[in-house]
Amino acid sequence: MVVLNATKEDQNAGGGICLLDFFRNGFTEGLSDTGRRCWVIRSAIPGYIDIEIEANALETLRQSVEWQEAKSIAEAVSQVKSYAVRDRVEPWGAPLEFPLTEAVPTVLPGPRYGHRIEGKTIAETWVKIIHRIKTTGTLRPTGYDGQWQELIDLMAVVTDEPPGFYFPEPNYLPCDRAFIQEYIHQILDDAPYREGVKYTYGQRLRSWFGKDQIEQIITKLIGEIDAASAVMSLWDVKDHEQGGSPCLNHLWARVVDHELSLTATLRSNDMYMAWPSNAMGLRALQQYIRDEIAQRSSYDLRMGPLITISQSAHIYDDTWENADQLIRKQYPAICRNRDFYDPAGNFLIEIETDKIVVKQTTPGSGEVVACYSGKNPLTLIREVCAASPAIQPDHAAYLGMELQKAAESLKTNKHYTQDSK
């Protein structure tokens, strides 16, 4: 067996190192990071083996397989060729089968296409994303002999990620600060050709098409700050023929009211393991564009939201257990800590003569922008939701309860005050 451990990406992933440590160091009984009893590989990289596989079978495997580590593609090819000229090795044991424990998610009804999730930080938004996919995502087979849960066209909006990034304590994200600092360079910086690496995002943005696209949009926005054409593309038409195409395909920067937003389209997105790193790398690119514009011009822009559109937003089955644990531990707290700001505005409910009157005001100044009146609470809430379809679901539910209270007060000729018990 030849284990390729050639690039910085291989080192970051850690899978090859963990596999080598299985053969070098062995394993011991312990618990997985979700608390499940399993075999734990003796490695600095977390690695687990199902406890249903007998220890003596694993030891036989360790003793029977000859392995080598390759530090380059050329070294791997050379090692494979050296094995190919050897005499055929006889089987060292009979095939064994062990029961496979599968986690089967409970999927609730919900739309498959077109989702919107918003959070202040990448960490908060990520938990909401995982919850949405795990509860309503479609179960589908992957091309890698497994399954994933998938939603199609999921838009995530991160509104207030702080400079330098927010990492929760303890950190429940699948990446840490050191990894992100390294990852950012793969997005911001050009990269020369390296053996074993097809491309980096930075290479696609900086030089792949013979133009530095990041420089192009900085220049474009300085010259035309309202431009809607500050676009960067990572898709090469040859990707259809070559395979291994980038998941990140399209970037669009936009300035509105002195605020710079960045929208990224990803054709395929591992939302559990990859999205937090993707989002932080893209936020760093957004910050870089903003800072370069400020240094080269009189535009001192605010950082606006980061928006990602994940066309295939999925979670692989080997992380379902971790995703369930994340939801159990983090999602309730996020729901409790949310504020009740709604871009659709506020709604003031009063009884005037013999009707319920609902006044819709702007979320900032409180200016009245719409008015609804009637006696039937169901009709009124339907009118409100039809006129403001982006109203937050819990806000709509709250209005429904208040309108029902107002209707009861109207029937019984009692005084009604909004939010009174």
Protein backbone atom coordinates (compact mmCIF):
# COMPACT_ATOMS: atom_id res chain seq x y z
CA MET A 1 0.00 0.00 0.00
CA VAL A 2 1.27 3.46 -0.94
CA VAL A 3 -0.07 6.44 1.04
CA LEU A 4 0.33 9.74 -0.80
CA ASN A 5 1.13 12.60 1.57
CA ALA A 6 2.54 15.11 -0.89
CA THR A 7 0.92 18.51 -0.50
CA LYS A 8 -0.02 21.03 2.13
CA GLU A 9 -3.62 20.10 1.43
CA ASP A 10 -2.83 16.46 2.26
CA GLN A 11 -1.25 17.60 5.51
CA ASN A 12 -4.25 19.79 6.37
CA ALA A 13 -6.72 16.98 5.68
CA GLY A 14 -4.74 14.58 7.85
CA GLY A 15 -6.39 11.42 6.51
CA GLY A 16 -3.15 9.98 5.14
CA ILE A 17 -1.30 10.68 8.38
CA CYS A 18 -4.02 9.00 10.44
CA LEU A 19 -3.98 5.93 8.16
CA LEU A 20 -0.21 5.66 8.47
CA ASP A 21 -0.49 5.99 12.25
CA PHE A 22 -2.93 3.08 12.29
CA PHE A 23 -0.22 0.85 10.82
CA ARG A 24 2.61 2.46 12.80
CA ASN A 25 1.02 2.88 16.22
CA GLY A 26 -2.09 0.73 16.32
CA PHE A 27 -5.30 1.53 18.18
CA THR A 28 -7.01 1.35 21.53
CA GLU A 29 -10.57 1.17 22.78
CA GLY A 30 -12.14 4.52 23.53
CA LEU A 31 -14.90 6.93 22.61
CA SER A 32 -15.46 8.93 19.44
CA ASP A 33 -15.95 12.69 19.56
CA THR A 34 -19.70 12.00 19.69
CA GLY A 35 -19.34 9.69 22.69
CA ARG A 36 -19.78 6.43 20.75
CA ARG A 37 -17.72 3.41 21.83
CA CYS A 38 -15.13 2.60 19.15
CA TRP A 39 -11.48 1.84 18.40
CA VAL A 40 -9.37 5.01 18.51
CA ILE A 41 -6.29 5.19 16.29
CA ARG A 42 -3.16 6.25 18.17
CA SER A 43 -2.60 9.44 16.21
CA ALA A 44 -2.58 13.21 16.64
CA ILE A 45 -5.24 13.23 13.90
CA PRO A 46 -8.58 11.95 15.27
CA GLY A 47 -9.46 8.62 13.69
CA TYR A 48 -12.06 6.04 14.69
CA ILE A 49 -12.90 2.47 13.69
CA ASP A 50 -16.24 0.79 14.37
CA ILE A 51 -16.10 -1.32 17.52
CA GLU A 52 -17.97 -4.10 15.67
CA ILE A 53 -14.73 -4.93 13.83
CA GLU A 54 -12.83 -7.40 15.99
CA ALA A 55 -9.50 -6.27 17.41
CA ASN A 56 -7.67 -9.39 16.25
CA ALA A 57 -8.88 -8.77 12.67
CA LEU A 58 -7.46 -5.25 12.81
CA GLU A 59 -4.17 -6.53 14.21
CA THR A 60 -3.96 -9.12 11.44
CA LEU A 61 -4.52 -6.34 8.91
CA ARG A 62 -1.76 -4.22 10.47
CA GLN A 63 0.74 -7.07 10.41
CA SER A 64 -0.14 -8.30 6.91
CA VAL A 65 -0.05 -5.11 4.84
CA GLU A 66 3.25 -3.63 3.71
CA TRP A 67 2.98 0.13 3.46
CA GLN A 68 5.05 3.10 2.34
CA GLU A 69 4.58 6.85 2.55
CA ALA A 70 5.13 8.92 -0.61
CA LYS A 71 6.06 12.60 -0.34
CA SER A 72 5.52 13.34 -4.04
CA ILE A 73 3.61 12.03 -7.05
CA ALA A 74 6.85 10.83 -8.63
CA GLU A 75 7.77 8.92 -5.48
CA ALA A 76 4.29 7.35 -5.35
CA VAL A 77 4.51 6.24 -8.99
CA SER A 78 7.95 4.77 -8.40
CA GLN A 79 6.76 2.83 -5.35
CA VAL A 80 3.68 1.50 -7.16
CA LYS A 81 5.85 0.33 -10.05
CA SER A 82 8.19 -1.44 -7.65
CA TYR A 83 5.25 -3.34 -6.18
CA ALA A 84 3.95 -4.19 -9.66
CA VAL A 85 7.05 -6.21 -10.60
CA ARG A 86 6.96 -8.35 -7.47
CA ASP A 87 5.64 -11.88 -7.42
CA ARG A 88 1.94 -12.27 -6.70
CA VAL A 89 1.20 -12.28 -2.97
CA GLU A 90 -1.09 -15.03 -1.73
CA PRO A 91 -4.11 -14.00 0.37
CA TRP A 92 -3.22 -13.83 4.04
CA GLY A 93 -6.73 -14.55 5.28
CA ALA A 94 -10.33 -15.22 4.34
CA PRO A 95 -12.66 -12.25 3.72
CA LEU A 96 -14.52 -11.18 6.84
CA GLU A 97 -17.82 -9.35 7.11
CA PHE A 98 -18.91 -7.26 10.08
CA PRO A 99 -22.29 -5.64 10.80
CA LEU A 100 -22.47 -2.07 9.56
CA THR A 101 -24.11 0.40 11.90
CA GLU A 102 -25.88 3.06 9.89
CA ALA A 103 -27.31 6.31 11.16
CA VAL A 104 -30.63 6.91 9.43
CA PRO A 105 -31.74 10.53 9.75
CA THR A 106 -35.33 11.54 10.39
CA VAL A 107 -36.33 13.80 7.51
CA LEU A 108 -39.19 16.25 7.97
CA PRO A 109 -41.27 17.57 5.08
CA GLY A 110 -39.94 20.72 3.49
CA PRO A 111 -38.97 22.36 0.21
CA ARG A 112 -36.04 20.89 -1.68
CA TYR A 113 -35.16 24.01 -3.66
CA GLY A 114 -34.39 27.54 -2.56
CA HIS A 115 -33.52 28.15 1.10
CA ARG A 116 -32.38 31.28 2.91
CA ILE A 117 -30.50 31.23 6.22
CA GLU A 118 -29.09 34.27 8.01
CA GLY A 119 -26.79 34.69 10.99
CA LYS A 120 -24.54 37.31 12.49
CA THR A 121 -21.43 35.14 12.48
CA ILE A 122 -20.17 32.27 10.37
CA ALA A 123 -20.39 29.97 13.40
CA GLU A 124 -24.03 30.85 14.08
CA THR A 125 -24.99 30.58 10.42
CA TRP A 126 -23.24 27.22 10.10
CA VAL A 127 -25.24 25.66 12.94
CA LYS A 128 -28.47 26.88 11.33
CA ILE A 129 -27.37 25.44 7.97
CA ILE A 130 -26.61 22.03 9.47
CA HIS A 131 -29.96 22.01 11.27
CA ARG A 132 -31.84 22.85 8.07
CA ILE A 133 -30.14 20.17 5.98
CA LYS A 134 -30.36 17.47 8.66
CA THR A 135 -34.06 18.04 9.23
CA THR A 136 -35.30 18.55 5.65
CA GLY A 137 -32.48 17.47 3.30
CA THR A 138 -33.16 14.84 0.66
CA LEU A 139 -31.28 11.54 1.10
CA ARG A 140 -29.29 10.74 -2.01
CA PRO A 141 -26.45 8.39 -2.99
CA THR A 142 -23.08 9.98 -3.66
CA GLY A 143 -20.54 9.02 -6.28
CA TYR A 144 -18.31 7.71 -3.50
CA ASP A 145 -20.23 4.64 -2.30
CA GLY A 146 -22.09 6.51 0.40
CA GLN A 147 -24.99 8.86 1.04
CA TRP A 148 -25.53 12.51 1.69
CA GLN A 149 -28.39 14.76 2.70
CA GLU A 150 -28.86 17.57 0.22
CA LEU A 151 -30.74 20.80 -0.30
CA ILE A 152 -30.51 22.60 -3.61
CA ASP A 153 -29.75 26.33 -3.86
CA LEU A 154 -29.18 27.25 -0.23
CA MET A 155 -28.35 30.91 0.34
CA ALA A 156 -26.51 31.75 3.56
CA VAL A 157 -26.18 35.39 4.64
CA VAL A 158 -23.54 36.31 7.23
CA THR A 159 -24.16 39.87 8.39
CA ASP A 160 -21.66 40.74 11.12
CA GLU A 161 -18.59 38.48 11.12
CA PRO A 162 -15.97 40.42 13.14
CA PRO A 163 -12.47 41.18 11.83
CA GLY A 164 -10.15 38.26 12.56
CA PHE A 165 -13.14 35.89 12.77
CA TYR A 166 -15.17 34.60 15.67
CA PHE A 167 -14.26 31.17 17.02
CA PRO A 168 -16.58 29.92 19.78
CA GLU A 169 -15.19 28.69 23.08
CA PRO A 170 -14.98 25.76 23.18
CA ASN A 171 -14.54 25.67 19.43
CA TYR A 172 -17.21 23.49 17.81
CA LEU A 173 -16.24 24.45 14.25
CA PRO A 174 -14.45 21.85 12.07
CA CYS A 175 -11.49 24.24 11.64
CA ASP A 176 -9.30 26.36 13.88
CA ARG A 177 -7.54 29.70 13.57
CA ALA A 178 -4.21 28.22 12.44
CA PHE A 179 -5.86 26.27 9.62
CA ILE A 180 -7.82 29.33 8.47
CA GLN A 181 -4.70 31.50 8.29
CA GLU A 182 -3.17 28.93 5.96
CA TYR A 183 -6.38 28.49 3.98
CA ILE A 184 -6.77 32.23 3.34
CA HIS A 185 -3.56 32.19 1.30
CA GLN A 186 -5.11 29.59 -1.01
CA ILE A 187 -7.82 32.12 -1.89
CA LEU A 188 -5.92 35.42 -1.88
CA ASP A 189 -2.57 34.40 -3.37
CA ASP A 190 -1.52 33.14 -6.75
CA ALA A 191 0.23 29.78 -6.73
CA PRO A 192 2.76 28.28 -9.11
CA TYR A 193 2.12 24.83 -10.48
CA ARG A 194 2.75 22.17 -7.85
CA GLU A 195 2.88 18.46 -8.42
CA GLY A 196 -0.27 16.78 -7.16
CA VAL A 197 -2.30 20.01 -6.99
CA LYS A 198 -4.63 20.77 -9.91
CA TYR A 199 -5.24 24.37 -8.86
CA THR A 200 -5.97 26.64 -5.93
CA TYR A 201 -8.77 29.18 -5.82
CA GLY A 202 -6.14 31.91 -5.67
CA GLN A 203 -4.52 30.59 -8.83
CA ARG A 204 -7.85 30.61 -10.64
CA LEU A 205 -8.51 34.17 -9.51
CA ARG A 206 -5.04 35.59 -10.04
CA SER A 207 -3.55 34.00 -13.15
CA TRP A 208 -5.44 31.01 -14.57
CA PHE A 209 -7.11 33.00 -17.36
CA GLY A 210 -4.16 35.33 -17.94
CA LYS A 211 -5.70 38.13 -15.86
CA ASP A 212 -5.67 39.01 -12.17
CA GLN A 213 -9.42 39.10 -11.56
CA ILE A 214 -9.11 40.41 -8.00
CA GLU A 215 -7.17 43.42 -9.28
CA GLN A 216 -9.69 43.84 -12.07
CA ILE A 217 -12.69 44.23 -9.78
CA ILE A 218 -10.82 46.53 -7.39
CA THR A 219 -9.99 48.79 -10.33
CA LYS A 220 -13.53 48.44 -11.65
CA LEU A 221 -15.16 49.52 -8.40
CA ILE A 222 -12.78 52.41 -7.84
CA GLY A 223 -13.63 53.71 -11.31
CA GLU A 224 -17.35 52.91 -11.07
CA ILE A 225 -18.39 52.39 -7.47
CA ASP A 226 -21.99 51.52 -8.43
CA ALA A 227 -20.93 48.90 -10.99
CA ALA A 228 -22.96 45.69 -11.05
CA SER A 229 -20.31 43.95 -13.15
CA ALA A 230 -17.58 43.34 -10.54
CA VAL A 231 -17.51 39.64 -11.33
CA MET A 232 -14.86 36.95 -10.94
CA SER A 233 -15.15 33.52 -12.52
CA LEU A 234 -13.31 30.35 -11.54
CA TRP A 235 -15.01 27.98 -13.99
CA ASP A 236 -13.00 26.98 -17.03
CA VAL A 237 -14.93 25.44 -19.93
CA LYS A 238 -12.20 22.79 -20.08
CA ASP A 239 -13.29 21.61 -16.62
CA HIS A 240 -16.04 19.60 -18.31
CA GLU A 241 -13.37 17.52 -20.02
CA GLN A 242 -10.69 17.33 -17.34
CA GLY A 243 -12.70 16.66 -14.19
CA GLY A 244 -11.73 17.88 -10.74
CA SER A 245 -13.42 21.21 -11.36
CA PRO A 246 -13.52 23.85 -8.61
CA CYS A 247 -16.50 23.90 -6.28
CA LEU A 248 -16.33 27.70 -6.07
CA ASN A 249 -17.42 29.00 -9.46
CA HIS A 250 -18.50 32.63 -9.35
CA LEU A 251 -17.90 35.73 -7.21
CA TRP A 252 -19.71 39.06 -7.35
CA ALA A 253 -18.82 42.19 -5.39
CA ARG A 254 -21.39 44.96 -5.00
CA VAL A 255 -21.41 48.37 -3.29
CA VAL A 256 -24.73 49.75 -2.05
CA ASP A 257 -24.98 52.71 0.34
CA HIS A 258 -21.20 52.68 0.97
CA GLU A 259 -21.37 49.00 1.97
CA LEU A 260 -19.43 46.24 0.19
CA SER A 261 -21.07 42.83 -0.06
CA LEU A 262 -19.63 39.71 -1.63
CA THR A 263 -21.71 36.91 -3.14
CA ALA A 264 -20.14 33.53 -3.89
CA THR A 265 -21.70 30.69 -5.87
CA LEU A 266 -20.50 27.16 -5.13
CA ARG A 267 -21.75 24.38 -7.39
CA SER A 268 -21.12 21.69 -4.76
CA ASN A 269 -20.54 22.34 -1.08
CA ASP A 270 -19.76 20.03 1.83
CA MET A 271 -21.60 22.10 4.41
CA TYR A 272 -20.31 20.26 7.47
CA MET A 273 -16.58 20.00 6.84
CA ALA A 274 -15.92 22.70 4.24
CA TRP A 275 -18.42 25.56 4.45
CA PRO A 276 -16.98 27.30 7.55
CA SER A 277 -13.52 27.41 5.96
CA ASN A 278 -14.99 28.49 2.62
CA ALA A 279 -16.90 31.30 4.33
CA MET A 280 -13.90 32.56 6.31
CA GLY A 281 -11.67 32.49 3.25
CA LEU A 282 -14.27 34.42 1.25
CA ARG A 283 -14.73 36.91 4.08
CA ALA A 284 -10.97 37.49 4.04
CA LEU A 285 -11.17 38.14 0.29
CA GLN A 286 -14.04 40.57 0.87
CA GLN A 287 -11.99 42.39 3.52
CA TYR A 288 -8.98 42.52 1.18
CA ILE A 289 -11.03 44.08 -1.62
CA ARG A 290 -12.51 46.61 0.78
CA ASP A 291 -9.10 47.55 2.22
CA GLU A 292 -7.46 47.89 -1.21
CA ILE A 293 -10.26 50.16 -2.41
CA ALA A 294 -9.83 52.31 0.72
CA GLN A 295 -6.05 52.57 0.24
CA ARG A 296 -6.25 53.47 -3.44
CA SER A 297 -9.26 55.81 -3.42
CA SER A 298 -11.43 58.05 -1.28
CA TYR A 299 -14.00 55.29 -0.71
CA ASP A 300 -14.01 54.15 2.91
CA LEU A 301 -16.57 51.39 2.58
CA ARG A 302 -18.25 49.45 5.36
CA MET A 303 -18.10 45.67 5.33
CA GLY A 304 -21.47 44.39 4.24
CA PRO A 305 -22.78 40.83 4.33
CA LEU A 306 -21.10 37.77 2.91
CA ILE A 307 -23.56 35.70 0.89
CA THR A 308 -22.90 32.16 -0.27
CA ILE A 309 -25.17 30.31 -2.66
CA SER A 310 -24.52 26.58 -2.37
CA GLN A 311 -26.21 24.90 -5.31
CA SER A 312 -25.73 21.41 -3.90
CA ALA A 313 -25.63 21.97 -0.14
CA HIS A 314 -24.95 18.58 1.38
CA ILE A 315 -23.73 16.68 4.44
CA TYR A 316 -21.96 13.34 3.95
CA ASP A 317 -23.16 10.34 5.93
CA ASP A 318 -19.83 9.98 7.76
CA THR A 319 -20.57 13.27 9.56
CA TRP A 320 -24.28 12.74 10.31
CA GLU A 321 -23.57 11.65 13.86
CA ASN A 322 -21.41 14.72 14.49
CA ALA A 323 -24.06 16.92 12.89
CA ASP A 324 -26.75 15.54 15.19
CA GLN A 325 -24.56 16.21 18.21
CA LEU A 326 -23.85 19.76 17.02
CA ILE A 327 -27.57 20.43 16.66
CA ARG A 328 -28.36 19.03 20.12
CA LYS A 329 -25.67 21.10 21.82
CA GLN A 330 -25.69 24.39 19.89
CA TYR A 331 -28.96 24.95 18.04
CA PRO A 332 -31.23 25.51 21.10
CA ALA A 333 -28.83 28.12 22.50
CA ILE A 334 -28.71 29.95 19.17
CA CYS A 335 -32.51 30.01 19.03
CA ARG A 336 -32.70 31.38 22.58
CA ASN A 337 -30.12 34.10 21.96
CA ARG A 338 -31.58 35.48 18.75
CA ASP A 339 -32.78 39.05 18.59
CA PHE A 340 -36.18 39.91 17.22
CA TYR A 341 -35.20 42.41 14.57
CA ASP A 342 -37.21 41.86 11.40
CA PRO A 343 -36.35 43.70 8.16
CA ALA A 344 -40.07 43.56 7.34
CA GLY A 345 -40.60 46.10 10.12
CA ASN A 346 -42.81 46.29 13.18
CA PHE A 347 -46.59 45.97 13.47
CA LEU A 348 -48.75 47.99 15.85
CA ILE A 349 -52.16 46.50 16.64
CA GLU A 350 -55.04 48.59 17.94
CA ILE A 351 -58.83 48.50 18.04
CA GLU A 352 -60.47 51.52 16.48
CA THR A 353 -64.27 51.73 16.75
CA ASP A 354 -65.41 48.30 15.54
CA LYS A 355 -62.28 47.14 13.66
CA ILE A 356 -58.81 45.78 14.29
CA VAL A 357 -56.20 48.10 12.79
CA VAL A 358 -52.64 46.94 12.04
CA LYS A 359 -50.03 49.59 11.23
CA GLN A 360 -46.76 48.46 9.67
CA THR A 361 -43.75 50.65 10.46
CA THR A 362 -40.17 50.71 9.23
CA PRO A 363 -37.67 48.93 11.50
CA GLY A 364 -35.57 52.08 11.88
CA SER A 365 -37.47 55.36 12.05
CA GLY A 366 -40.84 53.83 12.87
CA GLU A 367 -42.57 55.55 9.96
CA VAL A 368 -45.95 54.02 9.13
CA VAL A 369 -45.75 52.49 5.64
CA ALA A 370 -48.87 50.32 5.46
CA CYS A 371 -52.18 49.86 7.23
CA TYR A 372 -54.53 46.86 7.40
CA SER A 373 -57.96 46.73 9.02
CA GLY A 374 -60.74 44.24 9.53
CA LYS A 375 -62.42 41.96 12.05
CA ASN A 376 -61.14 38.53 11.05
CA PRO A 377 -57.66 37.78 12.47
CA LEU A 378 -56.94 35.06 9.89
CA THR A 379 -57.77 37.38 7.01
CA LEU A 380 -55.58 40.11 8.49
CA ILE A 381 -52.51 37.92 9.02
CA ARG A 382 -52.87 36.58 5.49
CA GLU A 383 -52.95 40.14 4.15
CA VAL A 384 -49.84 41.05 6.15
CA CYS A 385 -47.93 37.97 4.98
CA ALA A 386 -49.01 38.47 1.37
CA ALA A 387 -47.80 42.08 1.41
CA SER A 388 -44.57 41.24 3.30
CA PRO A 389 -43.63 37.68 2.27
CA ALA A 390 -40.16 38.02 3.84
CA ILE A 391 -41.60 38.47 7.34
CA GLN A 392 -39.86 36.26 9.91
CA PRO A 393 -41.90 33.10 10.65
CA ASP A 394 -41.94 33.63 14.42
CA HIS A 395 -42.94 37.26 13.88
CA ALA A 396 -45.90 36.10 11.78
CA ALA A 397 -46.86 33.58 14.48
CA TYR A 398 -46.68 36.30 17.13
CA LEU A 399 -48.91 38.58 15.06
CA GLY A 400 -51.41 35.76 14.61
CA MET A 401 -51.69 35.31 18.38
CA GLU A 402 -52.02 39.05 19.01
CA LEU A 403 -54.65 39.43 16.30
CA GLN A 404 -56.65 36.59 17.84
CA LYS A 405 -56.49 38.34 21.23
CA ALA A 406 -57.62 41.58 19.60
CA ALA A 407 -60.52 39.78 17.91
CA GLU A 408 -61.63 38.27 21.23
CA SER A 409 -61.49 41.71 22.86
CA LEU A 410 -63.57 43.12 20.03
CA LYS A 411 -66.21 40.42 20.47
CA THR A 412 -66.41 40.79 24.25
CA ASN A 413 -66.15 44.58 24.18
CA LYS A 414 -63.03 44.51 26.36
CA HIS A 415 -60.01 46.79 26.19
CA TYR A 416 -57.11 45.46 24.12
CA THR A 417 -53.45 46.36 24.62
CA GLN A 418 -50.79 44.75 22.46
CA ASP A 419 -48.38 42.46 24.36
CA SER A 420 -50.54 42.47 27.49
CA LYS A 421 -51.05 39.14 29.22
